Amino acid sequence: MAEQPCIKSIETMSCDAGWRNYYFVKLTSDDGIVGWSEYDESFGPLGVTLNINKFADGLIGLPIAAHELIFAKLFSANRAAFAGVTGQAIGAIENALLDAKAKHLNIPCADLLGGRIRDRIPVYWSHCGSWRMPPRAEFYGNQIKTLEDVKNLGAEARERGFSAIKVNGYRDDGQGGMAMWSPGFGEPFQPELNIDRAFLTRLRDYLEAFRDGAGPDMNILLDVNFNARTEGFLQIIRALEDFDLFWLELDHNNPDALASIRSASPFPIASCETLIGQRQFLPYFEAQSMDVTVIDAIWNGVWQSMKVAAAADAHEINIAPHNFYGHLGTMMNAHFAAAVPNLRIMETDIDRLPWDDEIFSTPPVIENSYLSLPDLPGWGCDPNEDAIRAHPPKT
């Protein structure tokens, strides 16, 4: 049997991504194969990069094909602190290994996952409106300030061929405009997370403006994240029960409470995007907490995400990839979505930075709300190292 290529080096690099940074793992084998993955350290605590670099030395010389062995070794050594930044670091390494292994075999990563079930991935326009509010509007342009702007954005989504958009709540930005409503993440700082009538009125008006612009056939998804407690989520449901939402997406740390929210909701509930590893997902599956399980394959690693998706399938639950990353992250999620049987729909951000297409070799091709998976080895979207260096990261 021919010798397997082995890991020669693992590097991390990052570049400016407007309001955040993009982060990458570059894994090189001893025969010159380069495997890439994208990860994130802008949303949540720092430490993913530190952990990747800490793990790297102990992996030199191991076969690039042995991603399950490497995961088991890293999991065993970090069992007490698994999940969080440790789990994300392991997932980033796994994803670079998958890219390298697929390139060695000269096949797309989806073929490593059991082969494609679909070549075209249904996607929705995520953060529709939110990325055009301060502080991100300066990077994406076309700032929305009024409900008329929201209506026009709904019309834009329809005219660009999208059949589904996901929106977030908004608040007054203090200057007569709109800002993203995200108290669960301290914007604004409201740790009590109470929902008041004024917010519910704004939310209804906001959704109605999108519906007026997008038309009756547009699927509208609403994401309220960790922005309320159980009582508040139920208030939102009652206030919107006459809306035809594709789903209400929310996050909750109590699977039983989430199940009670689901039982009270007239529309499907999507959740769990912040969980890492089967052990965290299983209590939610057993409680039948959601209709759609949102899986972050960038955090978990795509191979491990396939296991989570299989567990969801056994509980008769569909999955949706969580994806608010650069183009490489989108293509990694697309390979996952192509191979998993119980897919509902995939998230993607349509508002992009001017230099995104410089940084990524093969931007995703999206037409009529479907992403077409290219027949290229690996993830099919290598970062451009010269472009990364040309856009140094924020410090």
Protein backbone atom coordinates (compact mmCIF):
# COMPACT_ATOMS: atom_id res chain seq x y z
CA MET A 1 0.00 0.00 0.00
CA ALA A 2 1.31 3.44 -0.95
CA GLU A 3 2.30 5.71 1.90
CA GLN A 4 -0.31 8.25 2.95
CA PRO A 5 0.59 11.96 2.80
CA CYS A 6 1.09 13.33 6.30
CA ILE A 7 0.73 16.70 7.94
CA LYS A 8 3.82 18.87 7.51
CA SER A 9 2.51 22.13 8.93
CA ILE A 10 -0.62 23.85 10.22
CA GLU A 11 -0.80 27.64 10.07
CA THR A 12 -3.44 30.21 10.92
CA MET A 13 -3.95 33.51 9.13
CA SER A 14 -6.53 36.27 9.10
CA CYS A 15 -7.53 39.38 7.19
CA ASP A 16 -9.82 42.38 7.42
CA ALA A 17 -13.50 41.63 6.84
CA GLY A 18 -14.99 45.05 7.51
CA TRP A 19 -16.70 44.88 10.90
CA ARG A 20 -14.81 41.68 11.78
CA ASN A 21 -11.90 39.54 10.52
CA TYR A 22 -11.87 36.41 8.40
CA TYR A 23 -9.81 33.53 9.85
CA PHE A 24 -8.26 30.57 8.03
CA VAL A 25 -6.39 27.34 8.68
CA LYS A 26 -3.80 26.39 6.08
CA LEU A 27 -2.73 22.74 6.44
CA THR A 28 0.15 21.54 4.24
CA SER A 29 1.07 17.90 3.69
CA ASP A 30 4.54 16.51 3.14
CA ASP A 31 3.76 16.03 -0.56
CA GLY A 32 2.61 19.63 -1.02
CA ILE A 33 -1.16 19.32 -0.75
CA VAL A 34 -2.76 22.35 0.91
CA GLY A 35 -6.01 21.99 2.82
CA TRP A 36 -7.97 25.07 3.83
CA SER A 37 -10.73 25.85 6.25
CA GLU A 38 -12.42 29.01 7.46
CA TYR A 39 -13.25 29.61 11.10
CA ASP A 40 -14.41 32.52 13.20
CA GLU A 41 -13.02 34.41 16.16
CA SER A 42 -14.95 37.66 15.79
CA PHE A 43 -18.22 36.40 17.21
CA GLY A 44 -17.64 35.25 20.76
CA PRO A 45 -14.55 34.94 22.96
CA LEU A 46 -11.02 34.91 21.60
CA GLY A 47 -8.97 31.75 21.82
CA VAL A 48 -9.79 29.64 18.75
CA THR A 49 -6.55 30.64 17.03
CA LEU A 50 -4.56 30.03 20.20
CA ASN A 51 -6.00 26.52 20.51
CA ILE A 52 -5.38 25.66 16.84
CA ASN A 53 -1.76 26.71 17.16
CA LYS A 54 -1.45 24.81 20.45
CA PHE A 55 -2.76 21.60 18.87
CA ALA A 56 -0.76 21.93 15.65
CA ASP A 57 2.65 20.69 16.85
CA GLY A 58 1.20 17.43 18.16
CA LEU A 59 -0.37 16.64 14.79
CA ILE A 60 2.73 16.93 12.61
CA GLY A 61 3.45 13.59 10.91
CA LEU A 62 -0.06 12.19 11.20
CA PRO A 63 -1.83 11.14 7.97
CA ILE A 64 -4.10 13.77 6.44
CA ALA A 65 -6.66 11.02 5.81
CA ALA A 66 -6.95 10.23 9.53
CA HIS A 67 -9.33 13.04 10.48
CA GLU A 68 -11.44 10.80 12.71
CA LEU A 69 -8.34 9.57 14.56
CA ILE A 70 -7.16 13.17 14.96
CA PHE A 71 -10.57 14.28 16.23
CA ALA A 72 -10.60 11.41 18.75
CA LYS A 73 -7.10 12.31 19.97
CA LEU A 74 -7.95 15.99 20.37
CA PHE A 75 -11.31 15.28 21.97
CA SER A 76 -9.77 12.84 24.45
CA ALA A 77 -7.02 15.29 25.41
CA ASN A 78 -9.52 18.13 25.89
CA ARG A 79 -12.60 16.33 27.15
CA ALA A 80 -12.93 18.48 30.26
CA ALA A 81 -12.95 21.69 28.20
CA PHE A 82 -14.60 20.49 25.00
CA ALA A 83 -17.04 22.80 23.18
CA GLY A 84 -16.54 26.55 23.20
CA VAL A 85 -13.31 27.73 21.64
CA THR A 86 -11.68 24.29 22.05
CA GLY A 87 -14.40 22.57 20.06
CA GLN A 88 -14.27 25.28 17.38
CA ALA A 89 -10.50 24.86 17.05
CA ILE A 90 -10.83 21.10 16.61
CA GLY A 91 -13.57 21.65 14.05
CA ALA A 92 -11.37 24.08 12.08
CA ILE A 93 -8.55 21.53 11.94
CA GLU A 94 -10.96 18.76 10.90
CA ASN A 95 -12.30 20.90 8.06
CA ALA A 96 -8.78 21.62 6.73
CA LEU A 97 -8.03 17.89 6.86
CA LEU A 98 -11.16 17.14 4.83
CA ASP A 99 -10.09 19.63 2.16
CA ALA A 100 -6.58 18.12 2.00
CA LYS A 101 -7.87 14.55 1.89
CA ALA A 102 -10.37 15.33 -0.89
CA LYS A 103 -7.68 17.11 -2.92
CA HIS A 104 -5.37 14.11 -2.49
CA LEU A 105 -8.16 11.91 -3.88
CA ASN A 106 -9.04 14.56 -6.51
CA ILE A 107 -12.70 14.60 -5.49
CA PRO A 108 -15.08 17.22 -4.03
CA CYS A 109 -15.47 17.09 -0.25
CA ALA A 110 -19.13 16.11 -0.66
CA ASP A 111 -17.90 12.77 -2.07
CA LEU A 112 -16.07 12.12 1.22
CA LEU A 113 -19.38 12.59 3.04
CA GLY A 114 -21.17 9.84 1.15
CA GLY A 115 -21.70 11.60 -2.16
CA ARG A 116 -24.07 14.29 -3.33
CA ILE A 117 -27.77 13.91 -2.80
CA ARG A 118 -28.26 17.24 -4.57
CA ASP A 119 -26.15 19.48 -6.81
CA ARG A 120 -28.21 22.61 -6.14
CA ILE A 121 -28.64 23.82 -2.56
CA PRO A 122 -31.71 25.87 -1.59
CA VAL A 123 -30.53 29.02 0.20
CA TYR A 124 -32.06 32.03 1.89
CA TRP A 125 -30.78 35.61 2.08
CA SER A 126 -29.68 35.94 5.69
CA HIS A 127 -29.44 39.19 7.70
CA CYS A 128 -31.60 40.78 5.04
CA GLY A 129 -31.74 44.37 6.21
CA SER A 130 -29.59 43.85 9.31
CA TRP A 131 -26.28 44.17 7.45
CA ARG A 132 -27.56 47.47 6.01
CA MET A 133 -27.98 49.03 9.46
CA PRO A 134 -25.26 50.71 11.57
CA PRO A 135 -22.54 49.80 12.32
CA ARG A 136 -22.27 47.42 9.34
CA ALA A 137 -23.95 49.62 6.73
CA GLU A 138 -20.67 51.48 6.09
CA PHE A 139 -19.22 48.26 4.67
CA TYR A 140 -22.22 47.03 2.69
CA GLY A 141 -23.88 50.27 1.59
CA ASN A 142 -27.56 50.86 0.72
CA GLN A 143 -28.35 51.71 4.34
CA ILE A 144 -31.96 51.23 5.37
CA LYS A 145 -33.40 53.93 7.63
CA THR A 146 -37.17 53.76 7.12
CA LEU A 147 -39.92 51.21 6.59
CA GLU A 148 -40.08 52.39 2.99
CA ASP A 149 -36.42 51.33 2.64
CA VAL A 150 -37.38 47.96 4.11
CA LYS A 151 -40.19 47.60 1.59
CA ASN A 152 -37.77 48.38 -1.24
CA LEU A 153 -35.31 45.80 0.08
CA GLY A 154 -38.06 43.17 0.05
CA ALA A 155 -38.72 44.06 -3.58
CA GLU A 156 -34.98 43.82 -4.32
CA ALA A 157 -34.84 40.30 -2.87
CA ARG A 158 -37.78 39.25 -5.06
CA GLU A 159 -36.32 40.85 -8.17
CA ARG A 160 -32.97 39.10 -7.57
CA GLY A 161 -34.73 35.75 -7.61
CA PHE A 162 -34.73 34.88 -3.93
CA SER A 163 -37.60 32.84 -2.57
CA ALA A 164 -36.62 33.15 1.12
CA ILE A 165 -35.15 35.89 3.32
CA LYS A 166 -34.26 35.94 7.02
CA VAL A 167 -34.72 39.12 9.04
CA ASN A 168 -33.98 40.27 12.57
CA GLY A 169 -35.75 42.76 14.79
CA TYR A 170 -34.70 46.39 14.84
CA ARG A 171 -34.50 49.29 17.29
CA ASP A 172 -34.22 53.05 16.97
CA ASP A 173 -30.58 53.96 16.41
CA GLY A 174 -31.01 57.28 18.23
CA GLN A 175 -30.54 59.26 15.02
CA GLY A 176 -33.90 58.67 13.40
CA GLY A 177 -32.80 55.45 11.71
CA MET A 178 -32.68 51.72 12.40
CA ALA A 179 -30.16 49.53 14.21
CA MET A 180 -30.15 45.77 14.67
CA TRP A 181 -31.97 44.69 17.84
CA SER A 182 -29.75 42.25 19.69
CA PRO A 183 -30.07 42.59 23.51
CA GLY A 184 -29.06 38.95 23.95
CA PHE A 185 -25.59 40.05 22.81
CA GLY A 186 -25.62 43.40 24.61
CA GLU A 187 -26.84 45.59 21.73
CA PRO A 188 -28.51 47.36 23.48
CA PHE A 189 -27.51 46.30 26.99
CA GLN A 190 -30.73 44.94 28.47
CA PRO A 191 -29.80 41.89 30.55
CA GLU A 192 -33.39 41.43 31.75
CA LEU A 193 -34.40 40.66 28.13
CA ASN A 194 -37.96 41.86 28.61
CA ILE A 195 -40.20 42.39 25.58
CA ASP A 196 -42.37 45.53 25.53
CA ARG A 197 -45.34 46.60 23.41
CA ALA A 198 -43.32 49.16 21.49
CA PHE A 199 -40.92 46.47 20.25
CA LEU A 200 -43.79 44.19 19.19
CA THR A 201 -45.41 47.03 17.27
CA ARG A 202 -42.11 47.81 15.50
CA LEU A 203 -41.61 44.14 14.70
CA ARG A 204 -45.05 43.79 13.13
CA ASP A 205 -44.54 46.94 11.07
CA TYR A 206 -41.11 45.69 9.97
CA LEU A 207 -42.40 42.31 8.83
CA GLU A 208 -45.35 43.91 7.06
CA ALA A 209 -42.97 46.22 5.16
CA PHE A 210 -40.91 43.24 3.99
CA ARG A 211 -44.09 41.42 2.96
CA ASP A 212 -45.38 44.44 1.06
CA GLY A 213 -42.15 44.68 -0.91
CA ALA A 214 -41.34 41.01 -1.36
CA GLY A 215 -44.85 39.89 -2.23
CA PRO A 216 -47.03 37.03 -1.02
CA ASP A 217 -44.79 34.23 -2.33
CA MET A 218 -41.64 35.20 -0.41
CA ASN A 219 -40.76 32.92 2.52
CA ILE A 220 -39.88 35.11 5.51
CA LEU A 221 -37.79 33.71 8.37
CA LEU A 222 -37.48 35.63 11.64
CA ASP A 223 -34.40 35.22 13.85
CA VAL A 224 -34.63 36.43 17.46
CA ASN A 225 -31.50 34.62 18.70
CA PHE A 226 -31.00 34.76 22.50
CA ASN A 227 -32.85 38.08 22.66
CA ALA A 228 -35.62 37.07 25.08
CA ARG A 229 -36.48 34.58 27.78
CA THR A 230 -39.23 31.99 27.55
CA GLU A 231 -41.92 34.52 28.46
CA GLY A 232 -40.66 36.98 25.86
CA PHE A 233 -40.51 34.40 23.08
CA LEU A 234 -44.12 33.47 23.83
CA GLN A 235 -45.08 37.15 23.65
CA ILE A 236 -43.46 37.39 20.21
CA ILE A 237 -45.32 34.28 19.04
CA ARG A 238 -48.66 35.61 20.23
CA ALA A 239 -48.04 39.00 18.60
CA LEU A 240 -47.18 37.38 15.25
CA GLU A 241 -49.54 34.41 15.18
CA ASP A 242 -51.35 35.76 12.11
CA PHE A 243 -48.08 36.02 10.12
CA ASP A 244 -47.12 33.19 7.78
CA LEU A 245 -43.50 32.76 8.91
CA PHE A 246 -41.35 30.09 7.27
CA TRP A 247 -39.84 29.63 10.71
CA LEU A 248 -39.10 31.46 13.95
CA GLU A 249 -35.45 30.98 14.87
CA LEU A 250 -34.39 31.35 18.48
CA ASP A 251 -31.80 30.05 20.88
CA HIS A 252 -32.49 28.66 24.34
CA ASN A 253 -30.34 26.92 26.92
CA ASN A 254 -33.20 24.77 28.23
CA PRO A 255 -34.43 22.05 25.85
CA ASP A 256 -37.67 21.50 27.79
CA ALA A 257 -38.52 25.21 27.78
CA LEU A 258 -37.76 25.33 24.05
CA ALA A 259 -40.10 22.37 23.53
CA SER A 260 -42.85 24.26 25.34
CA ILE A 261 -42.26 27.26 23.08
CA ARG A 262 -42.48 25.00 20.04
CA SER A 263 -45.77 23.52 21.26
CA ALA A 264 -47.24 27.04 21.50
CA SER A 265 -46.01 28.21 18.11
CA PRO A 266 -48.17 28.24 14.96
CA PHE A 267 -45.02 28.24 12.82
CA PRO A 268 -41.93 25.98 12.84
CA ILE A 269 -39.17 26.59 15.37
CA ALA A 270 -35.49 26.48 14.34
CA SER A 271 -32.73 26.40 16.92
CA CYS A 272 -29.37 25.12 18.24
CA GLU A 273 -26.85 27.01 16.08
CA THR A 274 -24.49 27.54 19.03
CA LEU A 275 -24.20 23.89 20.10
CA ILE A 276 -21.06 21.81 19.57
CA GLY A 277 -20.98 18.02 19.52
CA GLN A 278 -23.64 15.33 19.59
CA ARG A 279 -23.73 15.36 23.37
CA GLN A 280 -25.03 18.93 23.40
CA PHE A 281 -27.63 18.32 20.68
CA LEU A 282 -29.11 15.08 22.02
CA PRO A 283 -31.17 16.56 24.91
CA TYR A 284 -32.86 18.88 22.39
CA PHE A 285 -33.62 15.98 20.04
CA GLU A 286 -35.00 13.86 22.86
CA ALA A 287 -37.24 16.72 24.04
CA GLN A 288 -38.42 17.37 20.45
CA SER A 289 -37.45 20.98 21.07
CA MET A 290 -37.43 22.19 17.47
CA ASP A 291 -38.71 21.52 13.97
CA VAL A 292 -35.39 22.39 12.29
CA THR A 293 -31.97 21.90 13.86
CA VAL A 294 -29.48 24.61 12.91
CA ILE A 295 -25.96 23.13 12.80
CA ASP A 296 -22.79 25.19 12.60
CA ALA A 297 -20.44 22.98 10.57
CA ILE A 298 -17.68 25.59 10.81
CA TRP A 299 -17.67 25.25 14.60
CA ASN A 300 -18.34 21.52 14.78
CA GLY A 301 -16.34 20.31 11.80
CA VAL A 302 -18.22 19.00 8.79
CA TRP A 303 -17.52 15.31 9.53
CA GLN A 304 -18.85 15.70 13.07
CA SER A 305 -21.79 17.72 11.73
CA MET A 306 -22.79 14.76 9.57
CA LYS A 307 -23.09 12.74 12.80
CA VAL A 308 -25.30 15.42 14.37
CA ALA A 309 -27.44 15.50 11.22
CA ALA A 310 -27.80 11.71 11.36
CA ALA A 311 -28.96 11.92 14.98
CA ALA A 312 -31.47 14.60 13.96
CA ASP A 313 -32.67 12.37 11.14
CA ALA A 314 -33.26 9.52 13.60
CA HIS A 315 -35.52 11.92 15.53
CA GLU A 316 -37.38 12.94 12.33
CA ILE A 317 -35.87 16.44 12.35
CA ASN A 318 -34.49 18.31 9.35
CA ILE A 319 -31.34 20.43 9.56
CA ALA A 320 -30.19 23.80 8.25
CA PRO A 321 -26.52 24.87 8.13
CA HIS A 322 -25.63 27.99 10.11
CA ASN A 323 -23.54 30.16 7.82
CA PHE A 324 -22.59 33.82 8.27
CA TYR A 325 -18.99 33.53 7.12
CA GLY A 326 -16.88 34.29 4.04
CA HIS A 327 -17.16 32.51 0.72
CA LEU A 328 -15.02 29.56 1.89
CA GLY A 329 -17.33 29.01 4.85
CA THR A 330 -20.29 29.09 2.48
CA MET A 331 -18.75 26.43 0.24
CA MET A 332 -17.87 24.25 3.21
CA ASN A 333 -21.49 24.41 4.31
CA ALA A 334 -22.65 23.77 0.73
CA HIS A 335 -20.76 20.45 0.61
CA PHE A 336 -22.35 19.51 3.94
CA ALA A 337 -25.79 20.49 2.63
CA ALA A 338 -25.24 18.57 -0.61
CA ALA A 339 -24.55 15.30 1.21
CA VAL A 340 -26.95 15.37 4.16
CA PRO A 341 -30.34 13.73 3.46
CA ASN A 342 -32.49 15.72 5.90
CA LEU A 343 -31.78 19.23 4.59
CA ARG A 344 -34.34 22.02 4.97
CA ILE A 345 -32.50 25.07 3.60
CA MET A 346 -29.08 26.74 3.91
CA GLU A 347 -28.22 30.17 5.26
CA THR A 348 -26.04 32.57 3.29
CA ASP A 349 -25.25 36.29 3.42
CA ILE A 350 -25.84 38.10 0.13
CA ASP A 351 -24.58 41.55 1.13
CA ARG A 352 -20.82 41.17 0.64
CA LEU A 353 -17.65 43.21 1.06
CA PRO A 354 -16.07 44.78 -2.05
CA TRP A 355 -12.91 42.69 -1.60
CA ASP A 356 -14.56 39.32 -0.91
CA ASP A 357 -14.06 38.14 -4.49
CA GLU A 358 -10.34 39.02 -4.26
CA ILE A 359 -9.85 36.86 -1.18
CA PHE A 360 -11.68 33.76 -2.38
CA SER A 361 -10.79 31.97 -5.61
CA THR A 362 -14.24 30.72 -6.56
CA PRO A 363 -17.16 32.72 -5.14
CA PRO A 364 -20.44 30.80 -4.75
CA VAL A 365 -22.78 30.87 -7.72
CA ILE A 366 -26.37 31.55 -6.57
CA GLU A 367 -29.27 31.81 -8.97
CA ASN A 368 -32.99 31.82 -8.19
CA SER A 369 -32.33 31.00 -4.52
CA TYR A 370 -30.16 27.95 -5.29
CA LEU A 371 -26.40 27.56 -4.87
CA SER A 372 -24.78 25.35 -7.51
CA LEU A 373 -22.04 23.09 -6.18
CA PRO A 374 -18.97 23.12 -8.48
CA ASP A 375 -17.23 19.88 -9.43
CA LEU A 376 -13.86 20.91 -8.01
CA PRO A 377 -11.56 19.01 -5.61
CA GLY A 378 -11.88 19.79 -1.92
CA TRP A 379 -14.11 22.68 -0.92
CA GLY A 380 -13.44 24.27 -4.31
CA CYS A 381 -12.79 27.75 -2.89
CA ASP A 382 -9.16 28.32 -1.83
CA PRO A 383 -8.31 31.68 -0.26
CA ASN A 384 -5.83 33.92 -2.09
CA GLU A 385 -2.85 34.44 0.23
CA ASP A 386 -1.70 37.60 -1.56
CA ALA A 387 -5.17 39.12 -1.12
CA ILE A 388 -5.21 38.09 2.56
CA ARG A 389 -1.92 39.91 3.09
CA ALA A 390 -3.24 42.92 1.19
CA HIS A 391 -6.05 43.29 3.75
CA PRO A 392 -4.33 42.98 7.15
CA PRO A 393 -6.62 42.04 10.03
CA LYS A 394 -8.05 44.43 12.54
CA THR A 395 -6.30 44.27 15.89
